[in-house]
N, C-alpha and C. Protein backbone atom coordinates (compact mmCIF):
# COMPACT_ATOMS: atom_id res chain seq x y z
N MET A 1 11.30 0.59 -18.13
CA MET A 1 10.71 1.00 -16.87
C MET A 1 9.34 0.41 -16.72
N SER A 2 9.08 -0.38 -15.86
CA SER A 2 7.77 -0.84 -15.70
C SER A 2 7.03 -0.12 -14.62
N ALA A 3 5.61 -0.06 -14.89
CA ALA A 3 4.89 0.57 -13.96
C ALA A 3 3.84 -0.41 -13.56
N ILE A 4 3.43 -0.17 -12.10
CA ILE A 4 2.44 -0.99 -11.51
C ILE A 4 1.18 -0.43 -11.85
N HIS A 5 0.19 -1.26 -12.50
CA HIS A 5 -1.12 -0.88 -12.54
C HIS A 5 -2.12 -1.40 -11.30
N ARG A 6 -2.49 -0.38 -10.51
CA ARG A 6 -3.36 -1.03 -9.49
C ARG A 6 -4.76 -0.55 -9.57
N ALA A 7 -5.70 -1.51 -9.21
CA ALA A 7 -7.03 -0.96 -9.30
C ALA A 7 -7.43 -0.25 -8.03
N PRO A 8 -8.19 0.75 -8.23
CA PRO A 8 -8.61 1.62 -6.95
C PRO A 8 -9.32 0.78 -5.99
N LEU A 9 -9.32 1.16 -4.59
CA LEU A 9 -10.05 0.59 -3.74
C LEU A 9 -11.56 0.67 -3.86
N GLY A 10 -12.20 -0.39 -3.71
CA GLY A 10 -13.53 -0.73 -3.91
C GLY A 10 -14.42 0.13 -3.14
N SER A 11 -15.43 0.58 -3.45
CA SER A 11 -16.32 1.30 -2.48
C SER A 11 -17.64 0.36 -2.20
N ALA A 12 -18.47 0.96 -1.39
CA ALA A 12 -19.79 0.00 -0.98
C ALA A 12 -20.45 -0.53 -2.00
N TYR A 13 -20.51 0.22 -3.22
CA TYR A 13 -21.46 -0.31 -4.39
C TYR A 13 -20.85 -1.59 -4.82
N VAL A 14 -19.63 -1.88 -4.86
CA VAL A 14 -19.00 -3.00 -5.37
C VAL A 14 -19.50 -4.19 -4.74
N MET A 15 -19.54 -4.14 -3.42
CA MET A 15 -20.04 -5.33 -2.59
C MET A 15 -21.65 -5.52 -2.63
N GLY A 16 -22.33 -4.33 -3.36
CA GLY A 16 -23.84 -4.56 -3.34
C GLY A 16 -24.62 -4.14 -2.10
N ARG A 17 -25.66 -3.76 -2.24
CA ARG A 17 -26.50 -3.25 -1.26
C ARG A 17 -27.77 -4.17 -1.11
N GLN A 18 -27.81 -5.20 -1.71
CA GLN A 18 -28.87 -6.13 -1.54
C GLN A 18 -29.17 -6.56 -0.21
N SER A 19 -30.41 -6.25 0.21
CA SER A 19 -30.77 -6.71 1.63
C SER A 19 -30.86 -8.20 1.52
N SER A 20 -30.97 -8.97 0.64
CA SER A 20 -31.16 -10.34 0.70
C SER A 20 -29.78 -11.10 0.99
N LEU A 21 -28.61 -10.21 0.85
CA LEU A 21 -27.37 -11.09 1.12
C LEU A 21 -27.10 -11.13 2.59
N THR A 22 -26.55 -11.97 2.96
CA THR A 22 -26.05 -12.31 4.59
C THR A 22 -24.53 -12.43 4.46
N VAL A 23 -24.11 -12.30 5.85
CA VAL A 23 -22.65 -12.52 5.89
C VAL A 23 -22.16 -13.69 5.33
N ALA A 24 -22.86 -14.76 5.47
CA ALA A 24 -22.49 -16.23 4.90
C ALA A 24 -22.26 -16.28 3.35
N ASN A 25 -22.81 -15.33 2.54
CA ASN A 25 -22.81 -15.55 1.24
C ASN A 25 -22.38 -14.35 0.64
N VAL A 26 -21.41 -13.67 1.30
CA VAL A 26 -20.72 -12.41 0.54
C VAL A 26 -19.78 -12.96 -0.47
N PRO A 27 -19.91 -12.15 -1.73
CA PRO A 27 -19.04 -12.72 -2.82
C PRO A 27 -17.53 -12.92 -2.35
N ALA A 28 -16.79 -13.89 -2.68
CA ALA A 28 -15.44 -14.29 -2.39
C ALA A 28 -14.54 -13.35 -3.10
N GLN A 29 -13.58 -12.78 -2.52
CA GLN A 29 -12.62 -11.95 -3.23
C GLN A 29 -11.72 -12.72 -4.09
N ASP A 30 -11.53 -12.16 -5.29
CA ASP A 30 -10.64 -12.67 -6.35
C ASP A 30 -9.19 -13.02 -5.66
N PRO A 31 -8.61 -14.06 -6.06
CA PRO A 31 -7.37 -14.36 -5.52
C PRO A 31 -6.27 -13.26 -5.82
N VAL A 32 -5.48 -13.09 -5.16
CA VAL A 32 -4.32 -12.08 -5.39
C VAL A 32 -3.62 -12.41 -6.38
N PRO A 33 -3.35 -11.93 -7.63
CA PRO A 33 -2.47 -12.45 -8.62
C PRO A 33 -1.09 -12.31 -8.21
N GLU A 34 -0.15 -13.21 -8.73
CA GLU A 34 1.04 -13.12 -8.29
C GLU A 34 1.74 -11.92 -8.93
N THR A 35 2.30 -11.25 -8.02
CA THR A 35 2.92 -9.95 -8.26
C THR A 35 4.56 -10.21 -8.27
N PRO A 36 5.25 -9.93 -9.42
CA PRO A 36 6.76 -10.10 -9.16
C PRO A 36 7.26 -9.07 -8.48
N ALA A 37 8.39 -9.33 -7.83
CA ALA A 37 9.15 -8.34 -7.17
C ALA A 37 9.41 -7.15 -8.03
N VAL A 38 8.92 -5.96 -7.93
CA VAL A 38 9.32 -4.80 -8.71
C VAL A 38 10.26 -4.05 -8.14
N LEU A 39 11.41 -4.03 -8.59
CA LEU A 39 12.51 -3.31 -8.12
C LEU A 39 12.96 -3.37 -6.63
N GLY A 40 12.87 -4.89 -6.35
CA GLY A 40 13.03 -5.19 -4.94
C GLY A 40 12.10 -5.09 -3.95
N ILE A 41 10.68 -4.72 -4.42
CA ILE A 41 9.70 -4.87 -3.53
C ILE A 41 9.03 -6.01 -3.41
N SER A 42 8.78 -6.60 -2.15
CA SER A 42 8.39 -7.74 -1.79
C SER A 42 7.07 -8.16 -2.47
N PRO A 43 6.78 -9.16 -2.97
CA PRO A 43 5.34 -9.46 -3.44
C PRO A 43 4.48 -9.52 -2.21
N ASP A 44 4.95 -9.86 -1.25
CA ASP A 44 4.30 -10.08 0.12
C ASP A 44 3.65 -8.79 0.55
N LEU A 45 4.38 -7.70 0.25
CA LEU A 45 3.75 -6.37 0.55
C LEU A 45 2.51 -6.03 -0.14
N PHE A 46 2.66 -6.46 -1.54
CA PHE A 46 1.41 -6.19 -2.31
C PHE A 46 0.15 -7.07 -1.92
N ARG A 47 0.51 -8.37 -1.61
CA ARG A 47 -0.68 -9.34 -1.02
C ARG A 47 -1.00 -8.72 0.22
N SER A 48 -0.33 -8.20 1.13
CA SER A 48 -0.76 -7.50 2.42
C SER A 48 -1.71 -6.42 2.11
N LEU A 49 -1.23 -5.40 1.16
CA LEU A 49 -2.11 -4.41 0.89
C LEU A 49 -3.61 -4.84 0.26
N ALA A 50 -3.55 -5.94 -0.57
CA ALA A 50 -4.67 -6.42 -1.07
C ALA A 50 -5.65 -7.05 -0.08
N GLU A 51 -4.90 -7.55 0.94
CA GLU A 51 -5.97 -8.09 2.03
C GLU A 51 -6.44 -7.00 2.86
N VAL A 52 -5.67 -5.95 3.14
CA VAL A 52 -6.13 -4.82 3.89
C VAL A 52 -7.42 -4.23 3.05
N LYS A 53 -7.29 -4.10 1.68
CA LYS A 53 -8.33 -3.62 0.81
C LYS A 53 -9.61 -4.53 0.82
N GLY A 54 -9.39 -5.82 0.84
CA GLY A 54 -10.44 -6.73 1.06
C GLY A 54 -11.16 -6.83 2.29
N GLN A 55 -10.50 -6.61 3.46
CA GLN A 55 -11.11 -6.53 4.71
C GLN A 55 -11.87 -5.13 4.81
N ALA A 56 -11.30 -4.05 4.25
CA ALA A 56 -12.05 -2.83 4.31
C ALA A 56 -13.41 -2.72 3.50
N GLN A 57 -13.30 -3.52 2.45
CA GLN A 57 -14.52 -3.80 1.54
C GLN A 57 -15.58 -4.49 2.22
N PHE A 58 -15.11 -5.58 3.04
CA PHE A 58 -16.10 -6.24 3.94
C PHE A 58 -16.86 -5.43 4.97
N LEU A 59 -15.98 -4.48 5.63
CA LEU A 59 -16.54 -3.63 6.49
C LEU A 59 -17.43 -2.77 6.10
N LEU A 60 -17.19 -2.19 4.74
CA LEU A 60 -18.37 -1.36 4.17
C LEU A 60 -19.56 -2.14 3.87
N TYR A 61 -19.39 -3.37 3.54
CA TYR A 61 -20.60 -4.32 3.35
C TYR A 61 -21.21 -4.39 4.54
N LEU A 62 -20.69 -4.70 5.70
CA LEU A 62 -21.33 -4.89 6.93
C LEU A 62 -21.88 -3.55 7.29
N ALA A 63 -21.32 -2.37 7.12
CA ALA A 63 -21.96 -1.06 7.53
C ALA A 63 -23.32 -0.97 6.78
N ASP A 64 -23.23 -1.15 5.44
CA ASP A 64 -24.33 -1.04 4.62
C ASP A 64 -25.66 -2.10 5.04
N GLN A 65 -25.09 -3.08 5.40
CA GLN A 65 -26.28 -4.12 5.88
C GLN A 65 -26.80 -3.68 7.15
N ILE A 66 -25.98 -3.15 8.17
CA ILE A 66 -26.52 -2.56 9.45
C ILE A 66 -27.52 -1.49 9.00
N GLU A 67 -27.06 -0.48 8.08
CA GLU A 67 -27.98 0.55 7.81
C GLU A 67 -29.26 0.11 7.30
N ASP A 68 -29.22 -0.80 6.34
CA ASP A 68 -30.39 -1.31 5.79
C ASP A 68 -31.27 -2.09 6.72
N SER A 69 -30.61 -2.84 7.51
CA SER A 69 -31.57 -3.46 8.72
C SER A 69 -32.03 -2.51 9.66
N LEU A 70 -31.36 -1.42 10.17
CA LEU A 70 -31.92 -0.42 10.95
C LEU A 70 -33.16 0.31 10.33
N ASP A 71 -32.92 0.65 9.04
CA ASP A 71 -34.01 1.08 8.39
C ASP A 71 -35.36 0.36 8.25
N GLN A 72 -35.12 -1.09 8.03
CA GLN A 72 -36.13 -1.86 8.05
C GLN A 72 -36.84 -2.12 9.52
N LEU A 73 -35.93 -1.99 10.47
CA LEU A 73 -36.43 -2.26 12.03
C LEU A 73 -37.32 -1.01 12.24
N VAL A 74 -36.90 0.17 11.73
CA VAL A 74 -37.81 1.44 12.10
C VAL A 74 -39.07 1.23 11.51
N HIS A 75 -39.21 0.69 10.29
CA HIS A 75 -40.48 0.74 9.52
C HIS A 75 -41.28 -0.65 9.67
N GLU A 76 -40.73 -1.50 10.53
CA GLU A 76 -41.36 -2.95 10.89
C GLU A 76 -42.63 -2.71 11.82
N VAL A 77 -43.66 -3.20 11.19
CA VAL A 77 -44.82 -3.26 12.35
C VAL A 77 -45.08 -4.62 12.82
N ASP A 78 -44.56 -5.76 12.33
CA ASP A 78 -44.49 -7.05 12.78
C ASP A 78 -43.54 -7.26 13.83
N GLY A 79 -43.96 -7.72 15.05
CA GLY A 79 -43.14 -7.88 16.29
C GLY A 79 -42.18 -9.02 16.12
N SER A 80 -42.44 -10.03 15.28
CA SER A 80 -41.69 -11.16 15.29
C SER A 80 -40.51 -10.89 14.23
N GLN A 81 -40.92 -10.14 13.18
CA GLN A 81 -39.94 -9.69 12.16
C GLN A 81 -38.99 -8.66 12.93
N GLY A 82 -39.51 -7.78 13.82
CA GLY A 82 -38.63 -6.89 14.48
C GLY A 82 -37.63 -7.62 15.34
N THR A 83 -38.16 -8.76 16.05
CA THR A 83 -37.11 -9.49 16.89
C THR A 83 -36.07 -10.16 15.98
N PHE A 84 -36.49 -10.62 14.87
CA PHE A 84 -35.65 -11.23 13.86
C PHE A 84 -34.50 -10.12 13.47
N LEU A 85 -34.88 -9.17 13.22
CA LEU A 85 -34.06 -8.08 12.66
C LEU A 85 -33.13 -7.66 13.79
N CYS A 86 -33.54 -7.60 14.94
CA CYS A 86 -32.54 -7.28 16.18
C CYS A 86 -31.58 -8.44 16.23
N LYS A 87 -31.89 -9.68 16.03
CA LYS A 87 -30.91 -10.56 15.96
C LYS A 87 -29.87 -10.40 14.86
N ILE A 88 -30.32 -10.24 13.74
CA ILE A 88 -29.55 -10.08 12.62
C ILE A 88 -28.44 -8.80 12.95
N LEU A 89 -29.12 -7.71 13.55
CA LEU A 89 -28.34 -6.62 13.72
C LEU A 89 -27.15 -6.78 14.70
N GLY A 90 -27.46 -7.64 15.81
CA GLY A 90 -26.54 -8.21 16.72
C GLY A 90 -25.40 -8.93 16.07
N MET A 91 -25.66 -9.88 15.19
CA MET A 91 -24.88 -10.70 14.38
C MET A 91 -23.88 -9.77 13.62
N TYR A 92 -24.37 -8.74 12.81
CA TYR A 92 -23.71 -7.86 11.96
C TYR A 92 -22.81 -6.95 12.85
N SER A 93 -23.20 -6.60 14.01
CA SER A 93 -22.39 -5.73 14.87
C SER A 93 -21.20 -6.48 15.43
N ALA A 94 -21.49 -7.90 15.80
CA ALA A 94 -20.42 -8.76 16.31
C ALA A 94 -19.32 -8.94 15.15
N GLN A 95 -19.82 -9.04 13.85
CA GLN A 95 -18.89 -9.21 12.82
C GLN A 95 -18.08 -7.98 12.50
N LEU A 96 -18.74 -6.87 12.56
CA LEU A 96 -18.03 -5.49 12.39
C LEU A 96 -16.96 -5.32 13.32
N GLU A 97 -17.34 -5.80 14.63
CA GLU A 97 -16.37 -5.39 15.75
C GLU A 97 -15.13 -6.30 15.57
N SER A 98 -15.41 -7.64 15.32
CA SER A 98 -14.30 -8.59 15.10
C SER A 98 -13.36 -8.31 13.88
N LYS A 99 -13.98 -7.87 12.76
CA LYS A 99 -13.32 -7.53 11.51
C LYS A 99 -12.59 -6.27 11.86
N HIS A 100 -13.16 -5.50 12.52
CA HIS A 100 -12.37 -4.10 12.71
C HIS A 100 -11.19 -4.23 13.55
N GLN A 101 -11.23 -5.15 14.56
CA GLN A 101 -9.95 -5.32 15.32
C GLN A 101 -8.85 -6.09 14.37
N GLY A 102 -9.35 -7.00 13.47
CA GLY A 102 -8.38 -7.53 12.60
C GLY A 102 -7.73 -6.78 11.58
N LEU A 103 -8.59 -5.85 11.29
CA LEU A 103 -8.00 -4.98 10.20
C LEU A 103 -7.11 -4.00 10.78
N GLY A 104 -7.38 -3.57 12.10
CA GLY A 104 -6.37 -2.68 12.62
C GLY A 104 -4.92 -3.35 12.69
N ASP A 105 -4.96 -4.55 13.23
CA ASP A 105 -3.68 -5.34 13.25
C ASP A 105 -3.03 -5.41 11.73
N LYS A 106 -3.82 -5.78 10.93
CA LYS A 106 -3.23 -6.11 9.44
C LYS A 106 -2.68 -4.59 9.03
N ILE A 107 -3.40 -3.69 9.31
CA ILE A 107 -2.92 -2.26 8.84
C ILE A 107 -1.47 -1.99 9.50
N ALA A 108 -1.39 -2.27 10.74
CA ALA A 108 -0.08 -2.04 11.54
C ALA A 108 0.96 -2.83 10.79
N GLU A 109 0.71 -4.26 10.62
CA GLU A 109 1.73 -4.96 10.07
C GLU A 109 2.14 -4.49 8.57
N THR A 110 1.09 -4.14 7.85
CA THR A 110 1.44 -3.59 6.49
C THR A 110 2.22 -2.34 6.62
N CYS A 111 1.84 -1.28 7.49
CA CYS A 111 2.64 -0.30 7.60
C CYS A 111 4.01 -0.53 7.95
N GLN A 112 4.29 -1.61 8.86
CA GLN A 112 5.80 -2.01 9.15
C GLN A 112 6.48 -2.28 7.89
N GLU A 113 5.78 -3.21 6.99
CA GLU A 113 6.55 -3.62 5.88
C GLU A 113 6.73 -2.36 4.89
N VAL A 114 5.70 -1.39 4.88
CA VAL A 114 6.28 -0.23 3.95
C VAL A 114 7.14 0.45 4.48
N TYR A 115 7.27 0.74 5.95
CA TYR A 115 8.45 1.39 6.39
C TYR A 115 9.78 0.74 6.17
N ILE A 116 9.82 -0.63 6.27
CA ILE A 116 11.07 -1.24 6.02
C ILE A 116 11.50 -1.21 4.44
N THR A 117 10.34 -1.35 3.62
CA THR A 117 10.72 -0.99 2.20
C THR A 117 11.08 0.32 1.82
N VAL A 118 10.66 1.37 2.51
CA VAL A 118 11.08 2.63 2.23
C VAL A 118 12.47 2.85 2.93
N ARG A 119 12.71 2.37 3.93
CA ARG A 119 14.09 2.50 4.47
C ARG A 119 15.06 1.77 3.60
N GLU A 120 14.90 0.74 3.01
CA GLU A 120 15.85 0.14 2.11
C GLU A 120 16.02 0.70 0.77
N PHE A 121 15.05 1.53 0.25
CA PHE A 121 15.25 2.46 -0.88
C PHE A 121 15.87 3.77 -0.33
N ASP A 122 15.72 4.17 0.81
CA ASP A 122 16.15 5.53 1.17
C ASP A 122 17.52 5.34 1.70
N ALA A 123 18.12 4.21 2.06
CA ALA A 123 19.49 4.00 2.65
C ALA A 123 20.46 4.34 1.53
N PRO A 124 21.51 5.06 2.16
CA PRO A 124 22.68 5.39 1.03
C PRO A 124 23.33 4.14 0.76
N ALA A 125 23.54 4.11 -0.60
CA ALA A 125 24.27 3.04 -1.40
C ALA A 125 25.73 2.79 -1.04
């Protein structure tokens, strides 16, 4: 009997909280290792779950960047730096909104795959 060892979903600290990071240079996600079909479960389901986790980590990263930028904005005394931070916050907010919508779609697709897999295992033989 083989067991699947899965790493836990990353938290915000995995993506780092360095304010010098930008959306453009977020560390790339490790490629999904090839997962053999385990007891008839599609490797696509495991890839889909990994993608959901990766997108969720990116959302955490964006939320952390927004928090850090808001904190900087509140304490900023230089008007030009404040303007720059407002533009950065707008960019982060747009990314958060678009990634949020994509994640919802991917979660719905993944749930459908899970339901189908469960039905296959739950169906009387």
